Amino acid sequence: MNKRTKSAVVVFIGLTLAFAAVAIFDYTDNYVGDRFRRAVESHDTDGGETFSLDAFMEYYDWDSVCAVPTGSGETFRTRTGAAYRHKAVSGQVWSLVFVKEDYVVAEIPIERSFLAYPNNLDTHCFDRWRAVFRILRDADGGLRLDYAGN
């Protein structure tokens, strides 16, 4: 192999690894999930005050959100149009899936021991402006996300 070919191979491998790292490393989900968990932990549940989900997390890059229980038939697409695979796979985890245009931009898997699934939903997906919730404390002291309407 001559010097140019070796350089081209090195550049190709480097770019391939860089694109693979971008595809595999899921910064947005971690960022959004961390913001959501911090907001829940610092939220005062005694007043039962409602909040807009986007302002609650201070994350605005989405058009709609879906509360998705494990095993749900909800289907979503990635930016490339491929079928989206949910991160929440156990029965003790549910997800908030954030969608922009027609593709998933973030998913927050939430353990039911941290925050129980809303039990008052007629529909599971909401436009951003309708995503108004409150966090209630159950009789046993656990937290539950509750849909408050718009």
N, C-alpha and C. Protein backbone atom coordinates (compact mmCIF):
# COMPACT_ATOMS: atom_id res chain seq x y z
N MET A 1 0.83 -1.17 0.00
CA MET A 1 0.00 0.00 0.00
C MET A 1 0.88 1.24 0.00
N ASN A 2 0.50 2.21 -0.81
CA ASN A 2 1.30 3.43 -0.79
C ASN A 2 0.81 4.37 0.31
N LYS A 3 1.50 5.45 0.49
CA LYS A 3 1.24 6.38 1.60
C LYS A 3 -0.16 7.00 1.50
N ARG A 4 -0.59 7.34 0.30
CA ARG A 4 -1.92 7.95 0.12
C ARG A 4 -3.02 6.97 0.49
N THR A 5 -2.88 5.74 0.09
CA THR A 5 -3.88 4.73 0.40
C THR A 5 -3.97 4.51 1.90
N LYS A 6 -2.83 4.44 2.57
CA LYS A 6 -2.82 4.27 4.02
C LYS A 6 -3.51 5.45 4.70
N SER A 7 -3.23 6.65 4.24
CA SER A 7 -3.87 7.84 4.82
C SER A 7 -5.37 7.80 4.60
N ALA A 8 -5.79 7.41 3.42
CA ALA A 8 -7.22 7.34 3.12
C ALA A 8 -7.91 6.29 4.00
N VAL A 9 -7.27 5.16 4.22
CA VAL A 9 -7.82 4.11 5.07
C VAL A 9 -7.94 4.61 6.51
N VAL A 10 -6.91 5.28 7.00
CA VAL A 10 -6.94 5.82 8.37
C VAL A 10 -8.07 6.84 8.52
N VAL A 11 -8.20 7.75 7.56
CA VAL A 11 -9.27 8.75 7.61
C VAL A 11 -10.64 8.07 7.55
N PHE A 12 -10.79 7.09 6.68
CA PHE A 12 -12.06 6.37 6.56
C PHE A 12 -12.42 5.69 7.87
N ILE A 13 -11.47 4.99 8.47
CA ILE A 13 -11.72 4.30 9.75
C ILE A 13 -12.06 5.32 10.83
N GLY A 14 -11.33 6.42 10.87
CA GLY A 14 -11.60 7.46 11.87
C GLY A 14 -12.99 8.04 11.74
N LEU A 15 -13.39 8.36 10.52
CA LEU A 15 -14.73 8.90 10.30
C LEU A 15 -15.81 7.87 10.61
N THR A 16 -15.57 6.62 10.25
CA THR A 16 -16.53 5.56 10.56
C THR A 16 -16.72 5.43 12.06
N LEU A 17 -15.63 5.43 12.81
CA LEU A 17 -15.72 5.35 14.27
C LEU A 17 -16.42 6.57 14.85
N ALA A 18 -16.15 7.75 14.31
CA ALA A 18 -16.80 8.97 14.80
C ALA A 18 -18.31 8.91 14.58
N PHE A 19 -18.74 8.50 13.39
CA PHE A 19 -20.17 8.40 13.12
C PHE A 19 -20.82 7.31 13.97
N ALA A 20 -20.13 6.21 14.18
CA ALA A 20 -20.66 5.14 15.04
C ALA A 20 -20.82 5.64 16.47
N ALA A 21 -19.86 6.39 16.96
CA ALA A 21 -19.95 6.92 18.32
C ALA A 21 -21.13 7.87 18.45
N VAL A 22 -21.35 8.70 17.45
CA VAL A 22 -22.49 9.63 17.48
C VAL A 22 -23.80 8.85 17.48
N ALA A 23 -23.88 7.80 16.69
CA ALA A 23 -25.10 7.00 16.61
C ALA A 23 -25.35 6.22 17.89
N ILE A 24 -24.30 5.74 18.52
CA ILE A 24 -24.45 4.92 19.72
C ILE A 24 -24.61 5.76 20.98
N PHE A 25 -23.81 6.80 21.11
CA PHE A 25 -23.83 7.63 22.30
C PHE A 25 -25.10 8.46 22.31
N ASP A 26 -25.89 8.31 23.34
CA ASP A 26 -27.21 8.91 23.39
C ASP A 26 -27.23 10.06 24.38
N TYR A 27 -26.63 11.16 24.01
CA TYR A 27 -26.53 12.31 24.91
C TYR A 27 -27.89 12.92 25.21
N THR A 28 -28.75 13.05 24.20
CA THR A 28 -30.03 13.73 24.40
C THR A 28 -30.88 13.01 25.44
N ASP A 29 -31.01 11.68 25.36
CA ASP A 29 -31.80 10.95 26.34
C ASP A 29 -31.25 11.15 27.75
N ASN A 30 -29.93 11.08 27.89
CA ASN A 30 -29.34 11.27 29.22
C ASN A 30 -29.59 12.68 29.73
N TYR A 31 -29.41 13.67 28.87
CA TYR A 31 -29.60 15.07 29.24
C TYR A 31 -31.05 15.32 29.67
N VAL A 32 -32.00 14.89 28.86
CA VAL A 32 -33.41 15.11 29.16
C VAL A 32 -33.83 14.31 30.39
N GLY A 33 -33.38 13.06 30.48
CA GLY A 33 -33.71 12.24 31.64
C GLY A 33 -33.17 12.82 32.93
N ASP A 34 -31.95 13.30 32.91
CA ASP A 34 -31.37 13.93 34.11
C ASP A 34 -32.15 15.17 34.51
N ARG A 35 -32.53 16.00 33.55
CA ARG A 35 -33.30 17.22 33.84
C ARG A 35 -34.65 16.84 34.45
N PHE A 36 -35.30 15.81 33.89
CA PHE A 36 -36.61 15.39 34.40
C PHE A 36 -36.49 14.87 35.83
N ARG A 37 -35.53 14.01 36.07
CA ARG A 37 -35.37 13.43 37.42
C ARG A 37 -35.05 14.51 38.46
N ARG A 38 -34.18 15.44 38.10
CA ARG A 38 -33.86 16.54 39.03
C ARG A 38 -35.10 17.39 39.31
N ALA A 39 -35.90 17.64 38.29
CA ALA A 39 -37.12 18.44 38.47
C ALA A 39 -38.11 17.71 39.38
N VAL A 40 -38.27 16.40 39.19
CA VAL A 40 -39.18 15.63 40.05
C VAL A 40 -38.68 15.63 41.49
N GLU A 41 -37.39 15.41 41.68
CA GLU A 41 -36.84 15.36 43.03
C GLU A 41 -36.96 16.69 43.77
N SER A 42 -36.90 17.79 43.05
CA SER A 42 -36.97 19.10 43.71
C SER A 42 -38.39 19.67 43.75
N HIS A 43 -39.35 18.99 43.13
CA HIS A 43 -40.72 19.50 43.06
C HIS A 43 -41.44 19.31 44.40
N ASP A 44 -42.18 20.33 44.81
CA ASP A 44 -42.99 20.26 46.03
C ASP A 44 -44.32 19.58 45.68
N THR A 45 -44.54 18.39 46.21
CA THR A 45 -45.75 17.63 45.87
C THR A 45 -46.92 17.95 46.79
N ASP A 46 -46.70 18.73 47.83
CA ASP A 46 -47.77 18.98 48.80
C ASP A 46 -48.90 19.84 48.23
N GLY A 47 -48.57 20.80 47.38
CA GLY A 47 -49.59 21.70 46.85
C GLY A 47 -50.40 21.13 45.72
N GLY A 48 -49.90 20.10 45.05
CA GLY A 48 -50.60 19.53 43.91
C GLY A 48 -50.69 20.49 42.73
N GLU A 49 -49.73 21.41 42.65
CA GLU A 49 -49.75 22.40 41.58
C GLU A 49 -49.45 21.76 40.23
N THR A 50 -50.11 22.29 39.21
CA THR A 50 -49.90 21.78 37.86
C THR A 50 -48.69 22.48 37.23
N PHE A 51 -48.13 21.82 36.23
CA PHE A 51 -47.00 22.39 35.52
C PHE A 51 -47.01 21.93 34.07
N SER A 52 -46.50 22.78 33.22
CA SER A 52 -46.28 22.43 31.83
C SER A 52 -45.01 21.60 31.78
N LEU A 53 -45.05 20.47 31.12
CA LEU A 53 -43.90 19.55 31.12
C LEU A 53 -42.65 20.19 30.54
N ASP A 54 -42.79 21.00 29.49
CA ASP A 54 -41.60 21.62 28.91
C ASP A 54 -40.96 22.62 29.86
N ALA A 55 -41.76 23.44 30.54
CA ALA A 55 -41.20 24.40 31.50
C ALA A 55 -40.66 23.68 32.73
N PHE A 56 -41.30 22.59 33.12
CA PHE A 56 -40.87 21.81 34.29
C PHE A 56 -39.45 21.30 34.11
N MET A 57 -39.14 20.82 32.91
CA MET A 57 -37.81 20.27 32.63
C MET A 57 -36.87 21.29 32.00
N GLU A 58 -37.42 22.42 31.55
CA GLU A 58 -36.66 23.41 30.80
C GLU A 58 -36.03 22.77 29.56
N TYR A 59 -36.84 22.00 28.87
CA TYR A 59 -36.45 21.35 27.61
C TYR A 59 -37.58 21.57 26.62
N TYR A 60 -37.28 22.22 25.50
CA TYR A 60 -38.33 22.68 24.59
C TYR A 60 -38.23 22.13 23.17
N ASP A 61 -37.32 21.25 22.89
CA ASP A 61 -37.08 20.78 21.52
C ASP A 61 -37.94 19.55 21.19
N TRP A 62 -39.25 19.67 21.33
CA TRP A 62 -40.17 18.58 21.02
C TRP A 62 -41.54 19.16 20.69
N ASP A 63 -42.34 18.39 19.96
CA ASP A 63 -43.68 18.81 19.57
C ASP A 63 -44.77 18.09 20.35
N SER A 64 -44.51 16.84 20.72
CA SER A 64 -45.49 16.06 21.48
C SER A 64 -44.75 15.07 22.37
N VAL A 65 -45.48 14.58 23.38
CA VAL A 65 -44.91 13.60 24.31
C VAL A 65 -45.93 12.49 24.49
N CYS A 66 -45.43 11.27 24.63
CA CYS A 66 -46.30 10.12 24.86
C CYS A 66 -45.87 9.42 26.15
N ALA A 67 -46.83 9.14 27.02
CA ALA A 67 -46.59 8.33 28.20
C ALA A 67 -46.83 6.89 27.77
N VAL A 68 -45.76 6.10 27.74
CA VAL A 68 -45.83 4.77 27.14
C VAL A 68 -45.55 3.70 28.19
N PRO A 69 -46.58 2.91 28.55
CA PRO A 69 -46.32 1.80 29.47
C PRO A 69 -45.57 0.68 28.76
N THR A 70 -44.84 -0.10 29.52
CA THR A 70 -44.11 -1.23 28.94
C THR A 70 -45.09 -2.18 28.27
N GLY A 71 -44.73 -2.64 27.09
CA GLY A 71 -45.59 -3.56 26.36
C GLY A 71 -46.66 -2.87 25.54
N SER A 72 -46.63 -1.56 25.49
CA SER A 72 -47.61 -0.81 24.72
C SER A 72 -47.43 -1.06 23.23
N GLY A 73 -48.49 -0.90 22.49
CA GLY A 73 -48.43 -1.07 21.04
C GLY A 73 -48.03 0.20 20.31
N GLU A 74 -47.69 1.26 21.04
CA GLU A 74 -47.29 2.52 20.41
C GLU A 74 -46.05 2.29 19.55
N THR A 75 -46.07 2.80 18.34
CA THR A 75 -44.91 2.69 17.46
C THR A 75 -44.42 4.08 17.09
N PHE A 76 -43.12 4.22 16.99
CA PHE A 76 -42.50 5.49 16.67
C PHE A 76 -41.42 5.25 15.62
N ARG A 77 -40.92 6.34 15.06
CA ARG A 77 -39.87 6.29 14.04
C ARG A 77 -38.66 7.08 14.49
N THR A 78 -37.50 6.68 13.99
CA THR A 78 -36.27 7.44 14.22
C THR A 78 -36.15 8.51 13.13
N ARG A 79 -35.12 9.33 13.23
CA ARG A 79 -34.89 10.37 12.21
C ARG A 79 -34.70 9.77 10.83
N THR A 80 -34.16 8.57 10.77
CA THR A 80 -33.92 7.93 9.47
C THR A 80 -35.14 7.20 8.94
N GLY A 81 -36.23 7.16 9.71
CA GLY A 81 -37.45 6.50 9.28
C GLY A 81 -37.56 5.06 9.73
N ALA A 82 -36.54 4.55 10.40
CA ALA A 82 -36.58 3.17 10.89
C ALA A 82 -37.50 3.08 12.11
N ALA A 83 -37.97 1.88 12.40
CA ALA A 83 -38.80 1.68 13.58
C ALA A 83 -37.98 1.94 14.85
N TYR A 84 -38.55 2.68 15.79
CA TYR A 84 -37.86 3.01 17.03
C TYR A 84 -38.01 1.87 18.03
N ARG A 85 -36.93 1.50 18.68
CA ARG A 85 -36.96 0.46 19.72
C ARG A 85 -36.94 1.13 21.08
N HIS A 86 -37.95 0.84 21.90
CA HIS A 86 -38.06 1.45 23.22
C HIS A 86 -36.95 0.97 24.15
N LYS A 87 -36.56 1.85 25.06
CA LYS A 87 -35.55 1.51 26.05
C LYS A 87 -36.17 0.79 27.25
N ALA A 88 -37.42 1.12 27.56
CA ALA A 88 -38.08 0.50 28.70
C ALA A 88 -38.57 -0.88 28.30
N VAL A 89 -37.97 -1.90 28.87
CA VAL A 89 -38.33 -3.26 28.47
C VAL A 89 -38.87 -4.10 29.62
N SER A 90 -38.73 -3.65 30.86
CA SER A 90 -39.25 -4.44 31.98
C SER A 90 -40.61 -3.89 32.40
N GLY A 91 -41.38 -4.69 33.09
CA GLY A 91 -42.70 -4.28 33.55
C GLY A 91 -42.67 -3.21 34.61
N GLN A 92 -41.52 -2.99 35.22
CA GLN A 92 -41.41 -1.99 36.28
C GLN A 92 -40.96 -0.63 35.75
N VAL A 93 -40.91 -0.49 34.44
CA VAL A 93 -40.44 0.76 33.83
C VAL A 93 -41.46 1.21 32.79
N TRP A 94 -41.75 2.50 32.76
CA TRP A 94 -42.55 3.10 31.70
C TRP A 94 -41.74 4.26 31.12
N SER A 95 -42.20 4.86 30.04
CA SER A 95 -41.39 5.88 29.37
C SER A 95 -42.19 7.12 29.02
N LEU A 96 -41.49 8.23 29.01
CA LEU A 96 -41.96 9.44 28.34
C LEU A 96 -41.17 9.52 27.04
N VAL A 97 -41.86 9.50 25.92
CA VAL A 97 -41.22 9.55 24.61
C VAL A 97 -41.53 10.91 23.98
N PHE A 98 -40.49 11.66 23.67
CA PHE A 98 -40.63 12.99 23.10
C PHE A 98 -40.45 12.91 21.59
N VAL A 99 -41.39 13.50 20.87
CA VAL A 99 -41.41 13.42 19.41
C VAL A 99 -41.35 14.83 18.83
N LYS A 100 -40.53 15.00 17.82
CA LYS A 100 -40.47 16.26 17.07
C LYS A 100 -40.73 15.92 15.62
N GLU A 101 -41.67 16.63 15.01
CA GLU A 101 -42.14 16.33 13.67
C GLU A 101 -42.67 14.89 13.69
N ASP A 102 -41.99 13.95 13.08
CA ASP A 102 -42.48 12.57 13.07
C ASP A 102 -41.51 11.57 13.67
N TYR A 103 -40.48 12.04 14.37
CA TYR A 103 -39.46 11.12 14.87
C TYR A 103 -39.16 11.37 16.35
N VAL A 104 -38.65 10.34 17.00
CA VAL A 104 -38.31 10.41 18.42
C VAL A 104 -37.04 11.23 18.60
N VAL A 105 -37.10 12.21 19.52
CA VAL A 105 -35.91 12.99 19.85
C VAL A 105 -35.34 12.58 21.20
N ALA A 106 -36.17 12.01 22.08
CA ALA A 106 -35.68 11.57 23.39
C ALA A 106 -36.69 10.61 24.01
N GLU A 107 -36.17 9.71 24.84
CA GLU A 107 -37.01 8.82 25.63
C GLU A 107 -36.46 8.79 27.04
N ILE A 108 -37.35 8.94 28.01
CA ILE A 108 -36.95 8.85 29.41
C ILE A 108 -37.58 7.60 30.01
N PRO A 109 -36.80 6.55 30.24
CA PRO A 109 -37.33 5.39 30.96
C PRO A 109 -37.47 5.77 32.44
N ILE A 110 -38.63 5.49 33.03
CA ILE A 110 -38.90 5.88 34.42
C ILE A 110 -39.31 4.65 35.21
N GLU A 111 -38.58 4.37 36.26
CA GLU A 111 -38.94 3.24 37.12
C GLU A 111 -40.18 3.60 37.93
N ARG A 112 -41.10 2.64 38.02
CA ARG A 112 -42.34 2.90 38.76
C ARG A 112 -42.08 3.17 40.23
N SER A 113 -40.99 2.67 40.77
CA SER A 113 -40.66 2.96 42.17
C SER A 113 -40.25 4.42 42.35
N PHE A 114 -39.77 5.06 41.28
CA PHE A 114 -39.40 6.48 41.34
C PHE A 114 -40.62 7.36 41.10
N LEU A 115 -41.40 7.03 40.08
CA LEU A 115 -42.59 7.81 39.72
C LEU A 115 -43.56 6.89 39.00
N ALA A 116 -44.72 6.70 39.60
CA ALA A 116 -45.71 5.78 39.02
C ALA A 116 -46.35 6.36 37.77
N TYR A 117 -46.78 5.47 36.90
CA TYR A 117 -47.43 5.82 35.63
C TYR A 117 -48.76 6.53 35.90
N PRO A 118 -49.11 7.54 35.11
CA PRO A 118 -50.40 8.22 35.30
C PRO A 118 -51.56 7.26 35.07
N ASN A 119 -52.50 7.23 36.00
CA ASN A 119 -53.61 6.30 35.86
C ASN A 119 -54.89 6.99 35.38
N ASN A 120 -54.77 8.24 34.95
CA ASN A 120 -55.97 8.98 34.53
C ASN A 120 -55.89 9.44 33.07
N LEU A 121 -55.27 8.64 32.22
CA LEU A 121 -55.09 9.04 30.82
C LEU A 121 -56.16 8.45 29.92
N ASP A 122 -56.82 9.32 29.13
CA ASP A 122 -57.72 8.85 28.09
C ASP A 122 -56.94 8.58 26.81
N THR A 123 -55.93 9.39 26.59
CA THR A 123 -55.02 9.23 25.47
C THR A 123 -53.60 9.24 26.02
N HIS A 124 -52.67 8.68 25.31
CA HIS A 124 -51.31 8.57 25.84
C HIS A 124 -50.35 9.58 25.24
N CYS A 125 -50.76 10.29 24.19
CA CYS A 125 -49.88 11.27 23.55
C CYS A 125 -50.51 12.65 23.59
N PHE A 126 -49.67 13.65 23.83
CA PHE A 126 -50.14 15.02 23.99
C PHE A 126 -49.25 15.98 23.21
N ASP A 127 -49.88 16.98 22.58
CA ASP A 127 -49.10 18.07 22.01
C ASP A 127 -48.40 18.79 23.16
N ARG A 128 -47.32 19.46 22.84
CA ARG A 128 -46.53 20.12 23.88
C ARG A 128 -47.37 21.08 24.72
N TRP A 129 -48.24 21.82 24.10
CA TRP A 129 -49.04 22.80 24.83
C TRP A 129 -50.12 22.16 25.69
N ARG A 130 -50.43 20.89 25.47
CA ARG A 130 -51.42 20.17 26.30
C ARG A 130 -50.78 19.31 27.37
N ALA A 131 -49.46 19.23 27.40
CA ALA A 131 -48.76 18.36 28.35
C ALA A 131 -48.65 19.05 29.70
N VAL A 132 -49.77 19.08 30.41
CA VAL A 132 -49.85 19.72 31.73
C VAL A 132 -50.10 18.62 32.75
N PHE A 133 -49.22 18.52 33.72
CA PHE A 133 -49.28 17.45 34.71
C PHE A 133 -49.15 18.00 36.12
N ARG A 134 -49.27 17.13 37.08
CA ARG A 134 -48.93 17.41 38.47
C ARG A 134 -48.36 16.11 39.04
N ILE A 135 -47.64 16.24 40.12
CA ILE A 135 -47.09 15.06 40.79
C ILE A 135 -47.79 14.94 42.13
N LEU A 136 -48.40 13.79 42.34
CA LEU A 136 -49.14 13.54 43.57
C LEU A 136 -48.42 12.49 44.40
N ARG A 137 -48.62 12.55 45.69
CA ARG A 137 -48.05 11.56 46.60
C ARG A 137 -49.17 10.59 46.97
N ASP A 138 -48.92 9.29 46.78
CA ASP A 138 -49.90 8.26 47.14
C ASP A 138 -49.94 8.08 48.65
N ALA A 139 -50.92 7.32 49.12
CA ALA A 139 -51.06 7.07 50.55
C ALA A 139 -49.82 6.39 51.14
N ASP A 140 -49.14 5.57 50.33
CA ASP A 140 -47.94 4.89 50.82
C ASP A 140 -46.68 5.73 50.66
N GLY A 141 -46.82 6.97 50.20
CA GLY A 141 -45.67 7.88 50.10
C GLY A 141 -45.00 7.90 48.75
N GLY A 142 -45.43 7.04 47.82
CA GLY A 142 -44.84 7.03 46.48
C GLY A 142 -45.35 8.18 45.63
N LEU A 143 -44.59 8.54 44.63
CA LEU A 143 -44.96 9.63 43.73
C LEU A 143 -45.62 9.08 42.47
N ARG A 144 -46.61 9.83 41.95
CA ARG A 144 -47.30 9.43 40.74
C ARG A 144 -47.50 10.66 39.86
N LEU A 145 -47.20 10.52 38.58
CA LEU A 145 -47.47 11.57 37.61
C LEU A 145 -48.96 11.54 37.29
N ASP A 146 -49.60 12.70 37.29
CA ASP A 146 -51.04 12.80 37.09
C ASP A 146 -51.30 13.81 35.98
N TYR A 147 -52.09 13.42 34.97
CA TYR A 147 -52.41 14.34 33.88
C TYR A 147 -53.43 15.35 34.38
N ALA A 148 -53.15 16.64 34.17
CA ALA A 148 -54.04 17.69 34.67
C ALA A 148 -54.82 18.37 33.56
N GLY A 149 -54.58 18.03 32.32
CA GLY A 149 -55.29 18.66 31.22
C GLY A 149 -54.62 19.94 30.77
N ASN A 150 -55.32 20.69 29.94
CA ASN A 150 -54.70 21.92 29.44
C ASN A 150 -55.40 23.15 29.92
